[in-house]
Amino acid sequence: MYRIIFFSLIVIISACISKRSNKCISTYDSISKEKNKFHPPIKEKNGEVLLEDIGIENANIRGEYKFDRFKKLKYYKFYTNENNYSYAVYFNNNGGIDSAEGNPILISNVDEIHKDSIVYNFYISTLGNEIKKFSITLNSSEWITLKGQNDSVFSNVMRFEAPFNVKGIKALKIIEKLTYINCERKDISVLDSTYLERL
């Protein structure tokens, strides 16, 4: 078993913006296609619509989308428990990004295969994001570039798996580097550090 004992984050945003089209404008119809991943939508009195992933129900881990009365996306949030979210993107009336909190590396967890082997799983938001490269290093070893696949539980999320041999290792320092292009065509790099202690 492992527990996370420290976490740090650096985000670097490039000022270079492509002239390619803006992909920020998302609608209810475009997002709700994967019906098996969502609870029934909740329509509010003002005409706005709330849509939530089924996610991991016993832990309340899920994505949440709020649409205005014209069914344009107002915000997306990813909750790591009932009340707290790790990532949020808010959109303005023109469909551009108004503000953002956190980064697209939503959550991570460890699967212990046996006492000397683990698989570390990373979940990354693809909502409006074009993933260019995701790499990790364990305890300052060489960088490994991972390939992701669409997650079967969360909407607009890719899952990346990293198997490690941890024989004789008690403490793990994992550094993650993500480069992607967001829906406003900005190149963004994210660097995360996760420290784990083997119990």
Protein backbone atom coordinates (compact mmCIF):
# COMPACT_ATOMS: atom_id res chain seq x y z
CA MET A 1 0.00 0.00 0.00
CA TYR A 2 1.12 3.56 -0.71
CA ARG A 3 0.13 7.00 0.52
CA ILE A 4 0.81 10.36 -1.08
CA ILE A 5 2.82 12.59 1.25
CA PHE A 6 3.61 15.61 -0.95
CA PHE A 7 2.43 17.18 -4.16
CA SER A 8 3.67 20.19 -6.11
CA LEU A 9 2.69 21.86 -9.37
CA ILE A 10 4.22 24.19 -11.93
CA VAL A 11 2.28 25.40 -14.98
CA ILE A 12 3.96 27.24 -17.87
CA ILE A 13 1.74 28.82 -20.50
CA SER A 14 3.20 29.84 -23.83
CA ALA A 15 2.20 33.17 -25.34
CA CYS A 16 2.14 31.68 -28.81
CA ILE A 17 -1.40 31.35 -30.20
CA SER A 18 -2.16 29.65 -33.48
CA LYS A 19 -4.54 31.14 -36.04
CA ARG A 20 -6.44 27.86 -36.20
CA SER A 21 -10.11 27.87 -35.25
CA ASN A 22 -11.29 28.17 -31.65
CA LYS A 23 -12.60 24.82 -30.36
CA CYS A 24 -13.83 26.07 -26.98
CA ILE A 25 -17.53 26.26 -27.81
CA SER A 26 -19.03 23.00 -26.53
CA THR A 27 -22.71 22.17 -26.51
CA TYR A 28 -24.86 19.76 -24.55
CA ASP A 29 -25.43 17.60 -27.64
CA SER A 30 -21.71 17.26 -28.39
CA ILE A 31 -20.77 16.29 -24.82
CA SER A 32 -23.69 14.03 -23.87
CA LYS A 33 -23.16 11.52 -26.71
CA GLU A 34 -21.59 8.90 -24.40
CA LYS A 35 -24.89 8.33 -22.61
CA ASN A 36 -23.63 5.30 -20.67
CA LYS A 37 -21.20 7.54 -18.75
CA PHE A 38 -23.76 10.05 -17.44
CA HIS A 39 -26.53 10.33 -14.90
CA PRO A 40 -29.82 11.70 -16.32
CA PRO A 41 -29.44 15.48 -16.85
CA ILE A 42 -30.92 17.88 -14.29
CA LYS A 43 -32.81 20.84 -15.78
CA GLU A 44 -32.94 23.84 -13.48
CA LYS A 45 -35.71 26.47 -13.26
CA ASN A 46 -33.69 29.07 -15.17
CA GLY A 47 -33.30 26.66 -18.09
CA GLU A 48 -29.71 25.71 -17.31
CA VAL A 49 -28.74 22.02 -17.38
CA LEU A 50 -26.43 20.09 -15.06
CA LEU A 51 -24.81 16.91 -16.40
CA GLU A 52 -22.66 14.61 -14.23
CA ASP A 53 -20.53 11.56 -14.92
CA ILE A 54 -21.61 8.38 -13.20
CA GLY A 55 -17.94 8.18 -12.29
CA ILE A 56 -16.93 6.29 -9.16
CA GLU A 57 -20.14 6.64 -7.18
CA ASN A 58 -19.01 5.32 -3.81
CA ALA A 59 -16.26 7.98 -3.73
CA ASN A 60 -18.20 10.76 -5.54
CA ILE A 61 -15.38 11.09 -8.09
CA ARG A 62 -16.87 12.51 -11.28
CA GLY A 63 -16.89 15.22 -13.93
CA GLU A 64 -19.60 17.89 -13.85
CA TYR A 65 -20.83 20.07 -16.72
CA LYS A 66 -23.10 23.14 -16.48
CA PHE A 67 -24.85 24.41 -19.62
CA ASP A 68 -26.72 27.68 -20.08
CA ARG A 69 -30.31 27.84 -21.34
CA PHE A 70 -28.99 27.76 -24.92
CA LYS A 71 -27.12 24.53 -24.06
CA LYS A 72 -23.67 26.08 -24.38
CA LEU A 73 -21.09 24.91 -21.84
CA LYS A 74 -20.59 27.35 -18.92
CA TYR A 75 -18.09 25.30 -16.92
CA TYR A 76 -16.55 21.90 -16.39
CA LYS A 77 -15.36 20.66 -13.00
CA PHE A 78 -13.75 17.39 -11.94
CA TYR A 79 -14.59 16.39 -8.37
CA THR A 80 -12.28 14.17 -6.32
CA ASN A 81 -14.93 13.78 -3.59
CA GLU A 82 -18.43 15.08 -2.89
CA ASN A 83 -17.48 18.75 -2.44
CA ASN A 84 -13.90 19.32 -3.69
CA TYR A 85 -12.70 19.56 -7.26
CA SER A 86 -9.15 19.35 -8.63
CA TYR A 87 -9.78 21.02 -11.98
CA ALA A 88 -12.25 23.57 -13.33
CA VAL A 89 -12.61 25.52 -16.59
CA TYR A 90 -15.07 28.42 -16.95
CA PHE A 91 -16.21 29.70 -20.35
CA ASN A 92 -17.42 33.15 -21.34
CA ASN A 93 -20.41 34.06 -23.52
CA ASN A 94 -18.25 33.97 -26.64
CA GLY A 95 -17.12 30.40 -25.94
CA GLY A 96 -13.58 31.31 -24.91
CA ILE A 97 -11.92 30.36 -21.63
CA ASP A 98 -12.74 32.90 -18.93
CA SER A 99 -10.63 31.26 -16.20
CA ALA A 100 -9.25 27.91 -15.07
CA GLU A 101 -8.25 26.27 -11.80
CA GLY A 102 -5.85 23.35 -11.42
CA ASN A 103 -4.57 21.46 -14.46
CA PRO A 104 -5.79 18.63 -16.72
CA ILE A 105 -3.95 15.92 -14.72
CA LEU A 106 -7.10 15.17 -12.73
CA ILE A 107 -6.24 12.29 -10.42
CA SER A 108 -3.77 9.43 -10.10
CA ASN A 109 -3.76 6.16 -8.19
CA VAL A 110 -1.63 3.11 -7.57
CA ASP A 111 -2.54 -0.52 -8.24
CA GLU A 112 -0.20 -2.91 -6.41
CA ILE A 113 0.16 -6.03 -8.58
CA HIS A 114 2.36 -7.79 -5.99
CA LYS A 115 4.95 -6.65 -3.47
CA ASP A 116 7.54 -5.74 -6.12
CA SER A 117 5.32 -4.38 -8.92
CA ILE A 118 2.89 -1.48 -9.21
CA VAL A 119 0.90 0.20 -11.94
CA TYR A 120 0.51 3.94 -11.57
CA ASN A 121 -2.60 5.33 -13.32
CA PHE A 122 -2.99 8.94 -14.46
CA TYR A 123 -6.29 10.48 -15.61
CA ILE A 124 -6.07 13.51 -17.91
CA SER A 125 -8.88 15.74 -19.19
CA THR A 126 -9.26 15.94 -22.96
CA LEU A 127 -12.15 18.42 -22.92
CA GLY A 128 -10.93 20.92 -25.53
CA ASN A 129 -7.37 19.70 -24.97
CA GLU A 130 -5.14 18.10 -27.60
CA ILE A 131 -2.62 15.96 -25.73
CA LYS A 132 0.80 16.22 -27.36
CA LYS A 133 2.97 14.27 -24.93
CA PHE A 134 2.81 12.82 -21.42
CA SER A 135 6.03 11.61 -19.79
CA ILE A 136 7.07 10.51 -16.32
CA THR A 137 10.20 9.66 -14.39
CA LEU A 138 10.50 7.60 -11.20
CA ASN A 139 13.20 8.49 -8.66
CA SER A 140 15.20 10.43 -11.28
CA SER A 141 15.38 7.52 -13.73
CA GLU A 142 15.09 8.11 -17.47
CA TRP A 143 11.90 9.71 -18.80
CA ILE A 144 9.21 7.37 -20.14
CA THR A 145 6.60 8.58 -22.64
CA LEU A 146 3.21 6.99 -22.02
CA LYS A 147 0.38 6.26 -24.44
CA GLY A 148 -3.16 6.91 -23.25
CA GLN A 149 -6.55 5.47 -24.01
CA ASN A 150 -10.07 6.81 -23.56
CA ASP A 151 -11.20 6.01 -20.05
CA SER A 152 -14.19 3.68 -19.70
CA VAL A 153 -15.64 5.49 -16.66
CA PHE A 154 -15.09 9.25 -17.02
CA SER A 155 -16.20 11.36 -20.00
CA ASN A 156 -13.57 13.35 -21.93
CA VAL A 157 -10.76 11.72 -19.98
CA MET A 158 -7.76 9.65 -21.07
CA ARG A 159 -6.07 7.13 -18.79
CA PHE A 160 -2.31 6.54 -18.88
CA GLU A 161 -0.76 3.48 -17.23
CA ALA A 162 2.83 3.22 -15.98
CA PRO A 163 4.10 -0.15 -14.64
CA PHE A 164 7.08 -0.04 -12.27
CA ASN A 165 9.32 -2.59 -10.59
CA VAL A 166 9.69 -1.25 -7.02
CA LYS A 167 11.72 -4.05 -5.44
CA GLY A 168 13.70 -2.60 -2.54
CA ILE A 169 12.21 0.90 -3.01
CA LYS A 170 10.44 2.44 -0.01
CA ALA A 171 9.88 6.02 -1.18
CA LEU A 172 8.83 7.02 -4.68
CA LYS A 173 9.22 10.39 -6.36
CA ILE A 174 7.27 10.57 -9.59
CA ILE A 175 7.60 13.62 -11.83
CA GLU A 176 4.98 14.03 -14.57
CA LYS A 177 5.31 16.29 -17.60
CA LEU A 178 2.29 17.04 -19.77
CA THR A 179 2.32 19.14 -22.93
CA TYR A 180 -0.94 19.95 -24.69
CA ILE A 181 -2.79 22.53 -26.79
CA ASN A 182 -5.95 23.92 -25.20
CA CYS A 183 -9.10 24.95 -27.05
CA GLU A 184 -7.80 28.51 -27.50
CA ARG A 185 -4.82 26.98 -29.33
CA LYS A 186 -2.32 27.86 -26.61
CA ASP A 187 0.63 25.53 -26.05
CA ILE A 188 0.79 24.61 -22.37
CA SER A 189 3.26 22.57 -20.31
CA VAL A 190 2.47 21.17 -16.87
CA LEU A 191 5.00 19.71 -14.46
CA ASP A 192 3.75 17.77 -11.41
CA SER A 193 5.67 16.02 -8.65
CA THR A 194 4.12 13.27 -6.56
CA TYR A 195 5.83 11.74 -3.52
CA LEU A 196 4.68 8.35 -2.30
CA GLU A 197 5.63 6.39 0.78
CA ARG A 198 5.40 2.59 0.82
CA LEU A 199 3.58 1.42 3.95
